[in-house]
C-alpha cells in the first residue's frame, strides 16, 4: 500500500539540526484531577519523556493543571460542540506548527486525528497512532448497527492514513496489522506504563485501616473487579463466578467469606445491581460505581485478589495497576494479557471459561497468605522492571 502522506522522512522529522532534541505533541483526550479513566497515567509518562524529548501536550477535554512535569508547552484545545472543537483543534495544530512541533502521538482522539489528516497538506506533520484491542468482539445482544459499521470503517481508513500505527504488547502487533490492513513495516511496538510509586502495596497497619474504612472484614477474602461494566470485559461472568467460588467446599473450609467488589460504570450496571440485590448472595457483591483513578491504589492494595474475566483486551492497564500494587490477579488470555503477566503466570484462563476462572480463584483463596504475598511481590517486580514510565518513555523516544 502506498503511503498517502509522503514527503517527510524519519530523519527530517527527528532532527532539524545535529544535537537537537526531538519534539513531540502528545494528545491527551481528557485530563482532570478526578480522572476515572486511564488517562491519569499520562502525567507520569510525560514527566519521564520530557527528560529526553521536547514535549507539548494538547489536552482536548477536562480541567488539566496549569503545569505538567516534563511538558514544555501545555495547550488546552478550545471549543465545546463538535464544530467548535474541530475549529479549535485546527487552531491548536496551527499554533503547534508555528512553535516548531511536527510529530503527534495520539491514542483515542478521533476528531484530533481527522483534523491532522485533513491539514497534512498544509503542515506536513507526522502522525503516530496508538491502537490496541479487538473492537469486533461484541455481546450476543449487540447488533452490528450502521453506526458501528461506520465507526469501524473510519477506524480502518484512519489507521491506513497515518505514518505509523503503534500498538502493544507483542501479541497485538500482528493482530492489529491484520485487523486494520496496515503493512508490518509501518507497525511499531510500545508498552503501556504504570507508576509503581503511586500503585504500591500498603504495610500491614495501613492495609488494615483501609479495609476497615471500606467495610471489609478480617474474615473476608476480597476479590476486586475494576473495569468498564460491559460485555466485552466479562461482566456477565461476575455473579456466576462469585457463586461458584463462594460455594466451593475448600472455600467454606477455609473460614473465609468471599466478597466481590466491583468498581466501574457502564451499560451492564443495571444487570449487576439486580444480581447484587439477590438475597441468595447475602450481600457478598458490592458495587462502588466509577472510582477516580487517584483512589484506585488503595482499593488494589487492600484487596486479596483482582479478577479480569475479559472477552476482549489489548494492553490492559488493570493488570498493570494490580501488579504494581502487589495483588495477585486472575485473568483470561484475552488480547495481550499473557504478555503482561508473563507466560509462566499460573492464574490465566481461556476466554469465556468460567470453570477455569473459578478454579483459579478457589486456588488463591485456599493458598497460604505467605504464598499470595510472594506471588504479589513477583508481580510487582515485573511491573517495575518491564512497564515503568521510564522504560516506556525510552521506547517512545526511540520511535521518534
Protein backbone atom coordinates (compact mmCIF):
# COMPACT_ATOMS: atom_id res chain seq x y z
CA UNK A 1 0.00 0.00 0.00
CA UNK A 2 1.31 3.45 -0.88
CA UNK A 3 1.81 5.89 1.99
CA UNK A 4 -0.66 8.69 1.26
CA UNK A 5 1.37 11.15 3.32
CA UNK A 6 4.80 11.06 1.65
CA UNK A 7 7.40 13.78 1.80
CA UNK A 8 8.67 13.66 5.39
CA UNK A 9 11.27 11.09 6.30
CA UNK A 10 12.25 9.82 9.73
CA UNK A 11 15.46 11.83 9.55
CA UNK A 12 13.62 15.03 8.61
CA UNK A 13 11.15 14.65 11.48
CA UNK A 14 13.51 13.85 14.31
CA UNK A 15 16.43 16.20 13.96
CA UNK A 16 16.33 19.52 12.20
CA UNK A 17 19.95 20.13 13.24
CA UNK A 18 22.71 17.99 14.81
CA UNK A 19 22.31 17.54 18.56
CA UNK A 20 18.77 18.84 18.74
CA UNK A 21 16.17 17.07 20.84
CA UNK A 22 13.17 15.57 19.07
CA UNK A 23 9.86 17.36 19.55
CA UNK A 24 6.58 15.58 20.17
CA UNK A 25 2.97 16.60 20.67
CA UNK A 26 1.24 14.16 23.00
CA UNK A 27 -2.53 14.49 22.53
CA UNK A 28 -4.37 13.90 25.82
CA UNK A 29 -8.08 13.09 25.31
CA UNK A 30 -9.14 14.04 28.84
CA UNK A 31 -7.31 15.09 31.98
CA UNK A 32 -8.71 16.18 35.34
CA UNK A 33 -7.79 15.73 38.98
CA UNK A 34 -10.74 13.37 39.48
CA UNK A 35 -9.91 11.36 36.35
CA UNK A 36 -11.57 7.93 36.46
CA UNK A 37 -10.05 6.76 33.17
CA UNK A 38 -6.56 5.55 32.39
CA UNK A 39 -5.54 8.99 31.12
CA UNK A 40 -4.49 9.64 34.73
CA UNK A 41 -1.33 7.67 33.91
CA UNK A 42 -0.21 10.13 31.23
CA UNK A 43 1.45 12.77 33.52
CA UNK A 44 3.97 10.25 34.89
CA UNK A 45 4.90 9.18 31.36
CA UNK A 46 5.24 12.80 30.18
CA UNK A 47 7.50 13.60 33.13
CA UNK A 48 9.81 10.74 32.13
CA UNK A 49 9.59 11.53 28.41
CA UNK A 50 10.40 15.20 28.99
CA UNK A 51 13.94 14.31 30.08
CA UNK A 52 14.81 13.36 26.51
CA UNK A 53 12.16 14.98 24.30
CA UNK A 54 10.70 18.48 23.98
CA UNK A 55 7.10 17.64 24.80
CA UNK A 56 3.98 19.65 24.04
CA UNK A 57 0.70 18.37 25.49
CA UNK A 58 -2.59 19.14 23.74
CA UNK A 59 -5.43 18.45 26.20
CA UNK A 60 -8.80 18.05 24.48
CA UNK A 61 -11.15 18.00 27.48
CA UNK A 62 -11.18 18.25 31.25
CA UNK A 63 -9.53 20.59 33.73
CA UNK A 64 -5.79 19.97 33.49
CA UNK A 65 -3.35 21.58 35.93
CA UNK A 66 -1.59 24.77 34.92
CA UNK A 67 1.71 22.87 34.57
CA UNK A 68 2.73 19.29 33.88
CA UNK A 69 6.19 18.00 34.75
CA UNK A 70 8.28 17.35 31.65
CA UNK A 71 5.98 19.37 29.38
CA UNK A 72 7.40 22.50 27.75
CA UNK A 73 4.17 23.64 26.11
CA UNK A 74 0.73 22.85 27.53
CA UNK A 75 -2.27 23.73 25.35
CA UNK A 76 -5.95 23.29 26.07
CA UNK A 77 -7.92 22.69 22.86
CA UNK A 78 -10.74 25.28 22.70
CA UNK A 79 -14.32 24.61 21.68
CA UNK A 80 -17.24 22.66 23.13
CA UNK A 81 -19.61 21.47 20.42
CA UNK A 82 -18.38 19.36 17.52
CA UNK A 83 -17.88 22.20 15.02
CA UNK A 84 -16.27 24.40 17.66
CA UNK A 85 -13.95 21.60 18.75
CA UNK A 86 -12.94 20.90 15.16
CA UNK A 87 -12.08 24.56 14.58
CA UNK A 88 -10.34 24.72 17.96
CA UNK A 89 -8.30 21.64 17.08
CA UNK A 90 -7.28 23.16 13.75
CA UNK A 91 -6.21 26.34 15.57
CA UNK A 92 -4.21 24.27 18.06
CA UNK A 93 -2.44 22.42 15.24
CA UNK A 94 -1.60 25.76 13.60
CA UNK A 95 -0.14 27.14 16.84
CA UNK A 96 1.87 23.97 17.47
CA UNK A 97 3.24 24.07 13.93
CA UNK A 98 4.36 27.69 14.40
CA UNK A 99 6.06 26.60 17.64
CA UNK A 100 8.03 24.00 15.69
CA UNK A 101 6.14 20.82 16.58
CA UNK A 102 5.54 18.45 13.68
CA UNK A 103 5.15 14.97 15.24
CA UNK A 104 1.97 13.86 17.03
CA UNK A 105 1.20 10.86 19.22
CA UNK A 106 -2.48 10.00 19.70
CA UNK A 107 -4.46 7.22 21.37
CA UNK A 108 -8.24 7.73 21.34
CA UNK A 109 -8.57 11.18 19.82
CA UNK A 110 -10.62 10.57 16.67
CA UNK A 111 -11.53 14.19 15.98
CA UNK A 112 -7.96 15.39 16.51
CA UNK A 113 -6.76 12.61 14.21
CA UNK A 114 -9.18 13.62 11.46
CA UNK A 115 -8.04 17.25 11.69
CA UNK A 116 -4.40 16.16 11.44
CA UNK A 117 -5.13 14.11 8.34
CA UNK A 118 -7.07 16.96 6.71
CA UNK A 119 -4.39 19.55 7.49
CA UNK A 120 -1.42 17.37 6.50
CA UNK A 121 -1.01 19.02 3.05
CA UNK A 122 -0.59 22.36 4.81
CA UNK A 123 1.65 21.45 7.78
CA UNK A 124 3.33 18.17 6.69
CA UNK A 125 3.24 16.73 10.21
CA UNK A 126 3.95 13.12 11.21
CA UNK A 127 1.24 11.06 12.94
CA UNK A 128 1.87 8.17 15.34
CA UNK A 129 -1.41 6.48 16.24
CA UNK A 130 -1.78 4.01 19.12
CA UNK A 131 -4.44 1.32 18.90
CA UNK A 132 -4.82 -1.94 20.80
CA UNK A 133 -7.77 -4.26 21.32
CA UNK A 134 -10.32 -6.06 19.18
CA UNK A 135 -13.40 -3.87 18.60
CA UNK A 136 -15.17 -6.61 16.65
CA UNK A 137 -15.83 -8.53 19.91
CA UNK A 138 -19.47 -7.84 20.79
CA UNK A 139 -22.09 -9.24 23.09
CA UNK A 140 -24.74 -11.64 21.77
CA UNK A 141 -27.38 -8.93 22.16
CA UNK A 142 -25.33 -6.19 20.47
CA UNK A 143 -26.17 -5.96 16.74
CA UNK A 144 -23.68 -4.67 14.18
CA UNK A 145 -25.56 -1.45 13.52
CA UNK A 146 -24.94 1.00 10.71
CA UNK A 147 -23.34 3.38 13.19
CA UNK A 148 -20.99 0.66 14.42
CA UNK A 149 -20.05 -0.24 10.85
CA UNK A 150 -19.35 3.39 10.05
CA UNK A 151 -17.09 3.65 13.09
CA UNK A 152 -15.20 0.51 12.08
CA UNK A 153 -14.76 1.86 8.55
CA UNK A 154 -13.47 5.18 9.90
CA UNK A 155 -11.01 3.38 12.16
CA UNK A 156 -9.74 1.30 9.25
CA UNK A 157 -9.26 4.31 6.97
CA UNK A 158 -7.50 6.44 9.58
CA UNK A 159 -5.23 3.54 10.58
CA UNK A 160 -4.07 3.30 6.97
CA UNK A 161 -3.56 7.04 6.54
CA UNK A 162 -1.20 7.66 9.46
CA UNK A 163 2.55 7.34 9.18
CA UNK A 164 2.90 4.73 11.90
CA UNK A 165 0.42 2.51 13.77
CA UNK A 166 1.66 1.86 17.30
CA UNK A 167 0.41 -0.98 19.49
CA UNK A 168 1.36 -3.34 22.28
CA UNK A 169 2.12 -5.73 23.77
CA UNK A 170 3.87 -8.17 21.43
CA UNK A 171 0.83 -10.37 20.76
CA UNK A 172 -1.15 -7.38 19.47
CA UNK A 173 1.29 -6.32 16.73
CA UNK A 174 0.27 -8.94 14.13
CA UNK A 175 -3.36 -8.79 15.30
CA UNK A 176 -3.56 -5.02 14.78
CA UNK A 177 -1.77 -5.23 11.43
CA UNK A 178 -4.27 -7.80 10.18
CA UNK A 179 -7.32 -6.09 11.66
CA UNK A 180 -6.68 -2.72 10.05
CA UNK A 181 -4.78 -3.84 6.95
CA UNK A 182 -1.59 -1.99 7.83
CA UNK A 183 1.77 -3.25 6.45
CA UNK A 184 4.03 -4.64 9.16
CA UNK A 185 6.84 -2.22 8.30
CA UNK A 186 4.56 0.61 9.46
CA UNK A 187 3.79 -1.07 12.79
CA UNK A 188 5.67 -0.24 15.98
CA UNK A 189 5.64 -1.76 19.47
CA UNK A 190 5.04 0.39 22.55
CA UNK A 191 4.15 -0.71 26.08
CA UNK A 192 1.67 0.80 28.49
CA UNK A 193 3.19 2.01 31.73
CA UNK A 194 2.28 2.11 35.39
CA UNK A 195 3.61 4.35 38.16
CA UNK A 196 4.74 1.86 40.82
CA UNK A 197 5.28 4.72 43.24
CA UNK A 198 1.58 5.56 43.17
CA UNK A 199 0.30 1.99 42.81
CA UNK A 200 2.09 0.18 45.61
CA UNK A 201 1.40 -2.29 48.44
CA UNK A 202 0.28 -1.00 51.84
CA UNK A 203 2.01 -2.03 55.04
CA UNK A 204 0.02 -4.17 57.46
CA UNK A 205 -1.36 -1.35 59.58
CA UNK A 206 -2.32 0.87 56.63
CA UNK A 207 -3.93 -2.08 54.85
CA UNK A 208 -5.99 -2.99 57.91
CA UNK A 209 -7.12 0.63 58.23
CA UNK A 210 -8.10 0.78 54.54
CA UNK A 211 -10.12 -2.42 54.78
CA UNK A 212 -11.90 -1.14 57.86
CA UNK A 213 -12.79 2.13 56.10
CA UNK A 214 -14.07 0.17 53.10
CA UNK A 215 -16.19 -2.08 55.32
CA UNK A 216 -14.24 -5.26 54.58
CA UNK A 217 -13.89 -7.72 57.45
CA UNK A 218 -10.81 -9.62 58.57
CA UNK A 219 -12.63 -12.86 57.76
CA UNK A 220 -13.31 -11.83 54.15
CA UNK A 221 -11.39 -12.69 51.00
CA UNK A 222 -11.98 -9.66 48.79
CA UNK A 223 -11.97 -10.13 45.02
CA UNK A 224 -11.79 -6.82 43.14
CA UNK A 225 -13.02 -6.10 39.61
CA UNK A 226 -12.00 -2.75 38.06
CA UNK A 227 -13.13 -2.06 34.51
CA UNK A 228 -15.88 -0.74 32.29
CA UNK A 229 -19.10 -2.59 33.01
CA UNK A 230 -19.62 -4.07 29.56
CA UNK A 231 -19.99 -7.49 27.99
CA UNK A 232 -16.50 -7.22 26.46
CA UNK A 233 -14.95 -7.05 29.92
CA UNK A 234 -16.67 -10.21 31.13
CA UNK A 235 -19.19 -8.54 33.42
CA UNK A 236 -21.83 -11.21 32.75
CA UNK A 237 -19.48 -13.76 34.33
CA UNK A 238 -19.02 -11.93 37.63
CA UNK A 239 -22.10 -13.12 39.55
CA UNK A 240 -21.78 -16.77 38.40
CA UNK A 241 -18.09 -16.60 39.26
CA UNK A 242 -18.82 -15.35 42.77
CA UNK A 243 -21.38 -18.13 43.29
CA UNK A 244 -19.00 -20.81 42.04
CA UNK A 245 -16.19 -19.68 44.32
CA UNK A 246 -18.20 -18.92 47.46
CA UNK A 247 -19.99 -22.31 47.40
CA UNK A 248 -16.84 -24.42 46.96
CA UNK A 249 -16.05 -26.79 49.87
CA UNK A 250 -12.40 -25.73 50.13
CA UNK A 251 -13.50 -22.10 50.41
CA UNK A 252 -16.08 -22.86 53.08
CA UNK A 253 -13.50 -24.93 54.96
CA UNK A 254 -11.03 -22.01 54.89
CA UNK A 255 -13.34 -19.99 57.14
CA UNK A 256 -13.20 -17.04 54.73
CA UNK A 257 -16.25 -15.27 53.34
CA UNK A 258 -15.73 -14.25 49.70
CA UNK A 259 -16.73 -10.70 48.78
CA UNK A 260 -16.78 -9.40 45.20
CA UNK A 261 -16.17 -5.65 44.88
CA UNK A 262 -16.94 -4.02 41.51
CA UNK A 263 -15.51 -0.61 40.57
CA UNK A 264 -16.60 0.99 37.32
CA UNK A 265 -19.52 2.23 35.29
CA UNK A 266 -21.09 1.18 32.03
CA UNK A 267 -24.10 -0.31 30.26
CA UNK A 268 -24.15 -3.53 32.32
CA UNK A 269 -24.53 -1.78 35.66
CA UNK A 270 -28.34 -2.38 35.92
CA UNK A 271 -27.73 -6.12 35.46
CA UNK A 272 -25.13 -6.11 38.22
CA UNK A 273 -27.39 -4.16 40.55
CA UNK A 274 -30.08 -6.81 40.14
CA UNK A 275 -27.58 -9.60 40.72
CA UNK A 276 -26.09 -7.89 43.77
CA UNK A 277 -29.57 -7.45 45.29
CA UNK A 278 -30.33 -11.18 45.05
CA UNK A 279 -30.88 -12.34 48.67
CA UNK A 280 -29.18 -15.65 47.88
CA UNK A 281 -25.85 -13.81 47.60
CA UNK A 282 -26.13 -12.42 51.11
CA UNK A 283 -24.67 -9.01 50.30
CA UNK A 284 -21.40 -10.51 49.08
CA UNK A 285 -21.44 -8.32 45.93
CA UNK A 286 -20.52 -4.66 46.46
CA UNK A 287 -20.87 -2.09 43.64
CA UNK A 288 -18.81 1.08 44.03
CA UNK A 289 -19.61 2.77 40.71
CA UNK A 290 -16.91 4.76 38.86
CA UNK A 291 -13.87 5.39 41.07
CA UNK A 292 -11.39 8.23 40.35
CA UNK A 293 -8.02 6.85 39.37
CA UNK A 294 -6.32 8.58 42.29
CA UNK A 295 -8.46 6.49 44.67
CA UNK A 296 -7.74 3.16 42.99
CA UNK A 297 -4.32 2.41 44.58
CA UNK A 298 -5.93 1.94 48.00
CA UNK A 299 -8.54 -0.43 46.55
CA UNK A 300 -5.98 -2.59 44.77
CA UNK A 301 -3.66 -2.78 47.76
CA UNK A 302 -6.47 -3.59 50.21
CA UNK A 303 -7.97 -6.38 48.08
CA UNK A 304 -6.83 -10.01 48.25
CA UNK A 305 -7.11 -10.66 44.51
CA UNK A 306 -8.10 -8.90 41.28
CA UNK A 307 -10.18 -10.67 38.65
CA UNK A 308 -10.31 -9.70 34.98
CA UNK A 309 -12.65 -12.12 33.11
CA UNK A 310 -12.50 -10.18 29.84
CA UNK A 311 -13.58 -11.44 26.45
CA UNK A 312 -11.57 -8.65 24.80
CA UNK A 313 -8.42 -6.76 25.76
CA UNK A 314 -5.45 -5.11 24.16
CA UNK A 315 -2.88 -3.96 26.72
CA UNK A 316 -4.92 -3.93 29.96
CA UNK A 317 -3.80 -1.30 32.46
CA UNK A 318 -5.97 -3.01 35.09
CA UNK A 319 -3.41 -5.80 35.21
CA UNK A 320 -0.53 -3.31 35.44
CA UNK A 321 -2.20 -1.45 38.32
CA UNK A 322 -2.92 -4.66 40.23
CA UNK A 323 0.59 -6.00 39.64
CA UNK A 324 2.26 -2.79 40.82
CA UNK A 325 0.06 -2.94 43.92
CA UNK A 326 1.36 -6.41 44.71
CA UNK A 327 -2.08 -8.00 44.40
CA UNK A 328 -2.48 -11.42 42.73
CA UNK A 329 -4.62 -11.44 39.59
CA UNK A 330 -6.83 -13.98 37.87
CA UNK A 331 -7.24 -13.13 34.20
CA UNK A 332 -8.25 -14.55 30.86
CA UNK A 333 -5.83 -14.78 27.96
CA UNK A 334 -7.69 -12.06 26.03
CA UNK A 335 -5.53 -9.87 23.79
CA UNK A 336 -2.07 -9.26 25.21
CA UNK A 337 -2.88 -10.22 28.81
CA UNK A 338 -0.40 -13.11 28.89
CA UNK A 339 2.35 -10.78 27.68
CA UNK A 340 1.60 -8.55 30.65
CA UNK A 341 1.56 -11.13 33.47
CA UNK A 342 4.17 -13.38 31.85
CA UNK A 343 3.92 -16.73 30.10
CA UNK A 344 4.71 -18.63 33.32
CA UNK A 345 1.96 -16.99 35.38
CA UNK A 346 -0.34 -19.75 36.76
CA UNK A 347 -3.70 -17.99 37.04
CA UNK A 348 -4.68 -17.43 33.39
CA UNK A 349 -7.91 -18.91 31.98
CA UNK A 350 -9.10 -19.27 28.39
CA UNK A 351 -11.52 -16.54 27.30
CA UNK A 352 -15.06 -17.32 28.47
CA UNK A 353 -14.04 -20.32 30.61
CA UNK A 354 -16.00 -19.79 33.82
CA UNK A 355 -14.87 -23.08 35.35
CA UNK A 356 -11.19 -22.23 34.86
CA UNK A 357 -11.64 -18.74 36.32
CA UNK A 358 -13.46 -20.16 39.35
CA UNK A 359 -10.80 -22.83 39.80
CA UNK A 360 -8.02 -20.24 39.83
CA UNK A 361 -9.85 -18.08 42.36
CA UNK A 362 -10.60 -21.08 44.59
CA UNK A 363 -6.91 -21.97 44.48
CA UNK A 364 -5.95 -18.45 45.55
CA UNK A 365 -8.46 -18.43 48.41
CA UNK A 366 -7.17 -21.76 49.68
CA UNK A 367 -3.47 -20.88 49.35
CA UNK A 368 -1.48 -19.65 52.40
CA UNK A 369 -1.28 -15.91 52.90
CA UNK A 370 2.51 -16.02 52.62
CA UNK A 371 2.27 -17.66 49.19
CA UNK A 372 -0.12 -14.95 47.96
CA UNK A 373 2.24 -12.26 49.25
CA UNK A 374 5.18 -13.85 47.42
CA UNK A 375 3.12 -14.00 44.22
CA UNK A 376 2.27 -10.33 44.67
CA UNK A 377 5.94 -9.45 45.11
CA UNK A 378 6.81 -11.23 41.87
CA UNK A 379 4.08 -9.36 40.01
CA UNK A 380 5.19 -6.02 41.42
CA UNK A 381 8.79 -6.66 40.39
CA UNK A 382 7.63 -7.43 36.85
CA UNK A 383 5.57 -4.21 36.74
CA UNK A 384 8.52 -2.15 37.95
CA UNK A 385 11.10 -3.70 35.64
CA UNK A 386 9.07 -4.09 32.45
CA UNK A 387 6.40 -1.37 32.49
CA UNK A 388 7.84 1.66 34.28
CA UNK A 389 7.19 5.16 32.86
CA UNK A 390 10.95 5.48 32.32
CA UNK A 391 11.15 2.36 30.16
CA UNK A 392 8.05 3.23 28.14
CA UNK A 393 9.31 6.79 27.67
CA UNK A 394 12.54 5.35 26.27
CA UNK A 395 10.55 3.17 23.87
CA UNK A 396 8.51 6.16 22.68
CA UNK A 397 11.68 8.24 22.35
CA UNK A 398 13.14 5.51 20.13
CA UNK A 399 10.08 5.66 17.87
CA UNK A 400 10.87 9.28 17.07
